[in-house]
N, C-alpha and C. Protein backbone atom coordinates (compact mmCIF):
# COMPACT_ATOMS: atom_id res chain seq x y z
N UNK A 1 28.93 -3.22 12.42
CA UNK A 1 27.72 -2.37 11.15
C UNK A 1 28.00 -1.98 10.09
N UNK A 2 27.15 -1.92 9.49
CA UNK A 2 26.91 -1.44 8.13
C UNK A 2 26.33 0.05 7.67
N UNK A 3 27.12 0.60 7.68
CA UNK A 3 26.61 2.52 7.19
C UNK A 3 25.85 2.61 6.57
N UNK A 4 24.41 2.96 7.21
CA UNK A 4 23.40 3.49 5.91
C UNK A 4 23.71 4.52 6.06
N UNK A 5 23.17 5.09 4.48
CA UNK A 5 23.19 6.83 4.37
C UNK A 5 21.37 7.32 4.47
N UNK A 6 21.80 8.41 4.61
CA UNK A 6 20.08 9.39 4.40
C UNK A 6 20.89 10.30 3.86
N UNK A 7 20.28 10.83 2.88
CA UNK A 7 20.53 12.13 2.25
C UNK A 7 19.87 13.11 2.41
N UNK A 8 20.36 13.99 2.22
CA UNK A 8 19.08 15.10 2.90
C UNK A 8 19.43 16.45 1.84
N UNK A 9 19.95 16.75 1.32
CA UNK A 9 19.93 17.18 0.13
C UNK A 9 19.33 18.56 -0.26
N UNK A 10 20.59 19.60 1.23
CA UNK A 10 20.83 20.59 1.17
C UNK A 10 22.01 20.63 3.22
N UNK A 11 22.27 21.88 3.68
CA UNK A 11 23.19 21.83 4.69
C UNK A 11 23.11 21.08 5.67
N UNK A 12 23.57 20.05 6.49
CA UNK A 12 23.35 19.29 7.56
C UNK A 12 23.90 21.06 8.51
N UNK A 13 22.58 20.70 9.46
CA UNK A 13 22.61 21.30 10.93
C UNK A 13 22.67 21.08 11.95
N UNK A 14 22.79 21.44 12.77
CA UNK A 14 22.51 20.67 14.63
C UNK A 14 20.86 20.71 14.36
N UNK A 15 20.34 21.28 13.50
CA UNK A 15 18.27 20.92 13.85
C UNK A 15 18.31 19.28 12.17
N UNK A 16 19.00 19.59 11.68
CA UNK A 16 18.81 18.34 10.48
C UNK A 16 19.17 17.28 11.08
N UNK A 17 20.26 17.60 12.12
CA UNK A 17 20.57 16.08 12.42
C UNK A 17 19.65 15.48 13.86
N UNK A 18 19.45 16.60 14.63
CA UNK A 18 17.89 16.32 15.87
C UNK A 18 17.19 15.03 15.10
N UNK A 19 16.63 16.72 13.97
CA UNK A 19 15.15 15.49 13.21
C UNK A 19 15.58 14.14 12.49
N UNK A 20 16.59 14.18 11.96
CA UNK A 20 16.88 12.66 12.36
C UNK A 20 17.09 11.58 13.22
N UNK A 21 17.58 12.11 14.19
CA UNK A 21 17.84 10.73 15.52
C UNK A 21 16.11 11.18 15.46
N UNK A 22 15.37 11.78 16.04
CA UNK A 22 13.79 11.27 15.92
C UNK A 22 13.35 10.78 15.14
N UNK A 23 13.34 11.74 13.93
CA UNK A 23 12.81 10.34 12.89
C UNK A 23 12.83 9.12 12.88
N UNK A 24 13.99 8.90 13.59
CA UNK A 24 14.48 7.36 12.95
C UNK A 24 14.38 6.44 13.84
N UNK A 25 14.16 7.19 15.58
CA UNK A 25 14.79 6.34 16.50
C UNK A 25 15.80 5.90 16.91
N UNK A 26 16.96 6.74 16.77
CA UNK A 26 18.27 6.28 17.14
C UNK A 26 18.44 6.93 18.85
N UNK A 27 19.50 5.80 19.47
CA UNK A 27 19.68 6.38 20.68
C UNK A 27 21.27 5.71 20.40
N UNK A 28 21.58 6.46 22.17
CA UNK A 28 23.09 6.31 22.07
C UNK A 28 23.40 4.21 20.97
N UNK A 29 23.48 3.82 21.31
CA UNK A 29 24.17 2.68 20.23
C UNK A 29 24.47 2.94 18.60
N UNK A 30 23.77 4.21 18.30
CA UNK A 30 23.65 4.33 17.28
C UNK A 30 25.00 5.64 16.81
N UNK A 31 25.49 5.85 15.98
CA UNK A 31 26.58 6.88 15.47
C UNK A 31 26.03 8.10 13.72
N UNK A 32 26.07 8.83 14.79
CA UNK A 32 25.87 9.24 13.06
C UNK A 32 27.10 9.89 12.29
N UNK A 33 27.19 9.93 11.32
CA UNK A 33 29.09 9.77 10.04
C UNK A 33 28.26 11.13 9.42
N UNK A 34 29.60 12.15 9.39
CA UNK A 34 29.35 13.28 8.71
C UNK A 34 31.00 13.47 7.71
N UNK A 35 30.35 13.50 6.69
CA UNK A 35 31.94 14.57 6.07
C UNK A 35 32.30 15.07 6.76
N UNK A 36 33.97 15.38 6.37
CA UNK A 36 34.66 16.72 7.23
C UNK A 36 34.46 17.87 6.68
N UNK A 37 32.93 18.26 5.87
CA UNK A 37 33.41 19.40 5.79
C UNK A 37 31.52 19.73 6.25
N UNK A 38 30.97 18.80 6.05
CA UNK A 38 29.52 19.19 7.14
C UNK A 38 29.52 18.73 8.79
N UNK A 39 31.05 17.88 8.96
CA UNK A 39 31.37 18.21 10.55
C UNK A 39 32.01 19.15 10.91
N UNK A 40 32.75 19.97 9.73
CA UNK A 40 33.68 21.25 10.59
C UNK A 40 31.96 21.85 10.48
N UNK A 41 31.38 21.95 9.56
CA UNK A 41 29.79 23.14 9.37
C UNK A 41 28.96 23.21 10.45
N UNK A 42 29.21 22.07 11.27
CA UNK A 42 28.36 21.97 12.97
C UNK A 42 29.26 22.26 13.89
N UNK A 43 30.45 21.17 14.00
CA UNK A 43 30.90 22.66 15.13
C UNK A 43 31.22 23.61 14.86
N UNK A 44 30.87 24.60 13.94
CA UNK A 44 31.40 25.57 14.01
C UNK A 44 29.69 26.62 14.07
N UNK A 45 28.87 25.65 13.39
CA UNK A 45 27.31 26.34 14.84
C UNK A 45 27.03 26.14 15.88
N UNK A 46 27.08 24.71 16.56
CA UNK A 46 27.88 25.30 18.28
C UNK A 46 28.25 25.25 18.70
N UNK A 47 29.97 25.83 18.31
CA UNK A 47 30.36 27.04 18.96
C UNK A 47 29.58 28.72 19.08
N UNK A 48 28.97 28.96 17.54
CA UNK A 48 28.39 30.08 17.62
C UNK A 48 27.08 29.96 18.91
N UNK A 49 26.20 29.15 18.42
CA UNK A 49 25.35 28.84 19.60
C UNK A 49 25.76 29.07 21.06
N UNK A 50 26.64 28.32 21.63
CA UNK A 50 26.58 28.37 23.06
C UNK A 50 27.49 29.34 23.42
N UNK A 51 28.49 29.88 22.13
CA UNK A 51 29.61 30.60 22.15
C UNK A 51 30.92 31.02 23.00
N UNK A 52 31.22 29.06 22.97
CA UNK A 52 32.16 28.41 22.48
C UNK A 52 32.88 27.32 22.61
N UNK A 53 33.58 26.33 22.44
CA UNK A 53 34.21 25.86 21.59
C UNK A 53 33.09 24.21 22.92
N UNK A 54 32.09 23.41 22.38
CA UNK A 54 31.36 22.07 23.07
C UNK A 54 32.98 21.01 22.99
N UNK A 55 32.55 20.25 24.20
CA UNK A 55 33.66 19.47 24.02
C UNK A 55 33.56 17.90 23.66
N UNK A 56 34.41 17.74 23.13
CA UNK A 56 35.18 16.02 21.95
C UNK A 56 34.34 15.04 22.73
N UNK A 57 33.61 13.67 22.79
CA UNK A 57 32.88 13.72 21.29
C UNK A 57 31.95 14.58 21.06
N UNK A 58 31.49 14.97 20.22
CA UNK A 58 30.29 15.79 19.73
C UNK A 58 29.00 14.61 19.80
N UNK A 59 27.63 14.92 20.83
CA UNK A 59 26.55 14.15 20.88
C UNK A 59 25.36 15.25 19.92
N UNK A 60 24.27 14.67 19.82
CA UNK A 60 23.21 15.61 19.35
C UNK A 60 22.00 13.70 20.78
N UNK A 61 21.56 14.46 21.64
CA UNK A 61 20.47 13.52 22.10
C UNK A 61 21.36 12.64 22.16
N UNK A 62 21.99 12.31 22.57
CA UNK A 62 22.87 11.31 23.11
C UNK A 62 24.08 10.21 22.18
N UNK A 63 23.23 11.11 20.99
CA UNK A 63 23.73 9.82 19.81
C UNK A 63 25.00 10.76 19.75
N UNK A 64 26.16 9.58 19.69
CA UNK A 64 27.62 10.57 18.67
C UNK A 64 27.63 11.06 17.14
N UNK A 65 28.39 11.97 17.34
CA UNK A 65 28.86 12.56 16.25
C UNK A 65 30.56 12.56 15.42
N UNK A 66 30.37 11.79 14.50
CA UNK A 66 31.68 11.39 14.02
C UNK A 66 32.33 12.09 12.69
N UNK A 67 33.72 12.56 13.09
CA UNK A 67 34.03 12.73 11.34
C UNK A 67 34.34 11.51 10.72
N UNK A 68 33.70 11.19 9.57
CA UNK A 68 34.53 10.30 8.85
C UNK A 68 36.16 10.72 7.46
N UNK A 69 36.53 10.59 8.56
CA UNK A 69 37.98 10.95 8.48
C UNK A 69 39.46 10.20 6.51
N UNK A 70 37.80 9.45 6.61
CA UNK A 70 38.41 8.03 4.97
C UNK A 70 37.50 8.83 3.77
N UNK A 71 36.78 9.84 4.24
CA UNK A 71 35.80 10.60 3.13
C UNK A 71 34.86 9.72 2.29
N UNK A 72 34.27 8.83 3.49
CA UNK A 72 33.17 7.81 2.82
C UNK A 72 31.98 7.84 2.41
N UNK A 73 31.71 8.66 3.04
CA UNK A 73 30.38 9.98 3.05
C UNK A 73 30.17 11.50 2.73
N UNK A 74 29.35 11.00 1.84
CA UNK A 74 29.81 12.32 0.97
C UNK A 74 29.25 12.85 1.68
N UNK A 75 29.61 14.85 0.82
CA UNK A 75 29.00 15.99 1.09
C UNK A 75 27.08 16.14 1.38
N UNK A 76 26.91 16.75 2.73
CA UNK A 76 24.85 16.31 2.61
C UNK A 76 24.25 15.54 2.68
N UNK A 77 25.09 14.38 2.81
CA UNK A 77 25.00 12.96 3.70
C UNK A 77 25.05 12.57 5.45
N UNK A 78 24.65 11.86 5.90
CA UNK A 78 24.12 11.08 6.93
C UNK A 78 24.74 9.79 7.10
N UNK A 79 25.91 9.60 7.22
CA UNK A 79 25.89 8.10 7.61
C UNK A 79 25.63 8.12 8.99
N UNK A 80 24.11 6.39 9.21
CA UNK A 80 23.97 6.00 10.08
C UNK A 80 24.88 4.89 10.48
N UNK A 81 24.27 4.43 11.44
CA UNK A 81 25.76 3.20 12.29
C UNK A 81 24.79 3.31 13.13
């Protein structure tokens, strides 16, 4: 499946991911793909929010969040598959 890119232009956060899922009407068949730096930021934010490490895989409203280990997704951009 081809990856669609969404430019955010600001720091990616759990709220930005939640808004993107709602705005794009994404569901469990979709995946959000993040640059490793953005992914680590979201993991840290989630850890601070819940005061514990959340289980992997991470999800937002049932949509899987994956780290782009190939670094094809630029910083500040969300890949949507």
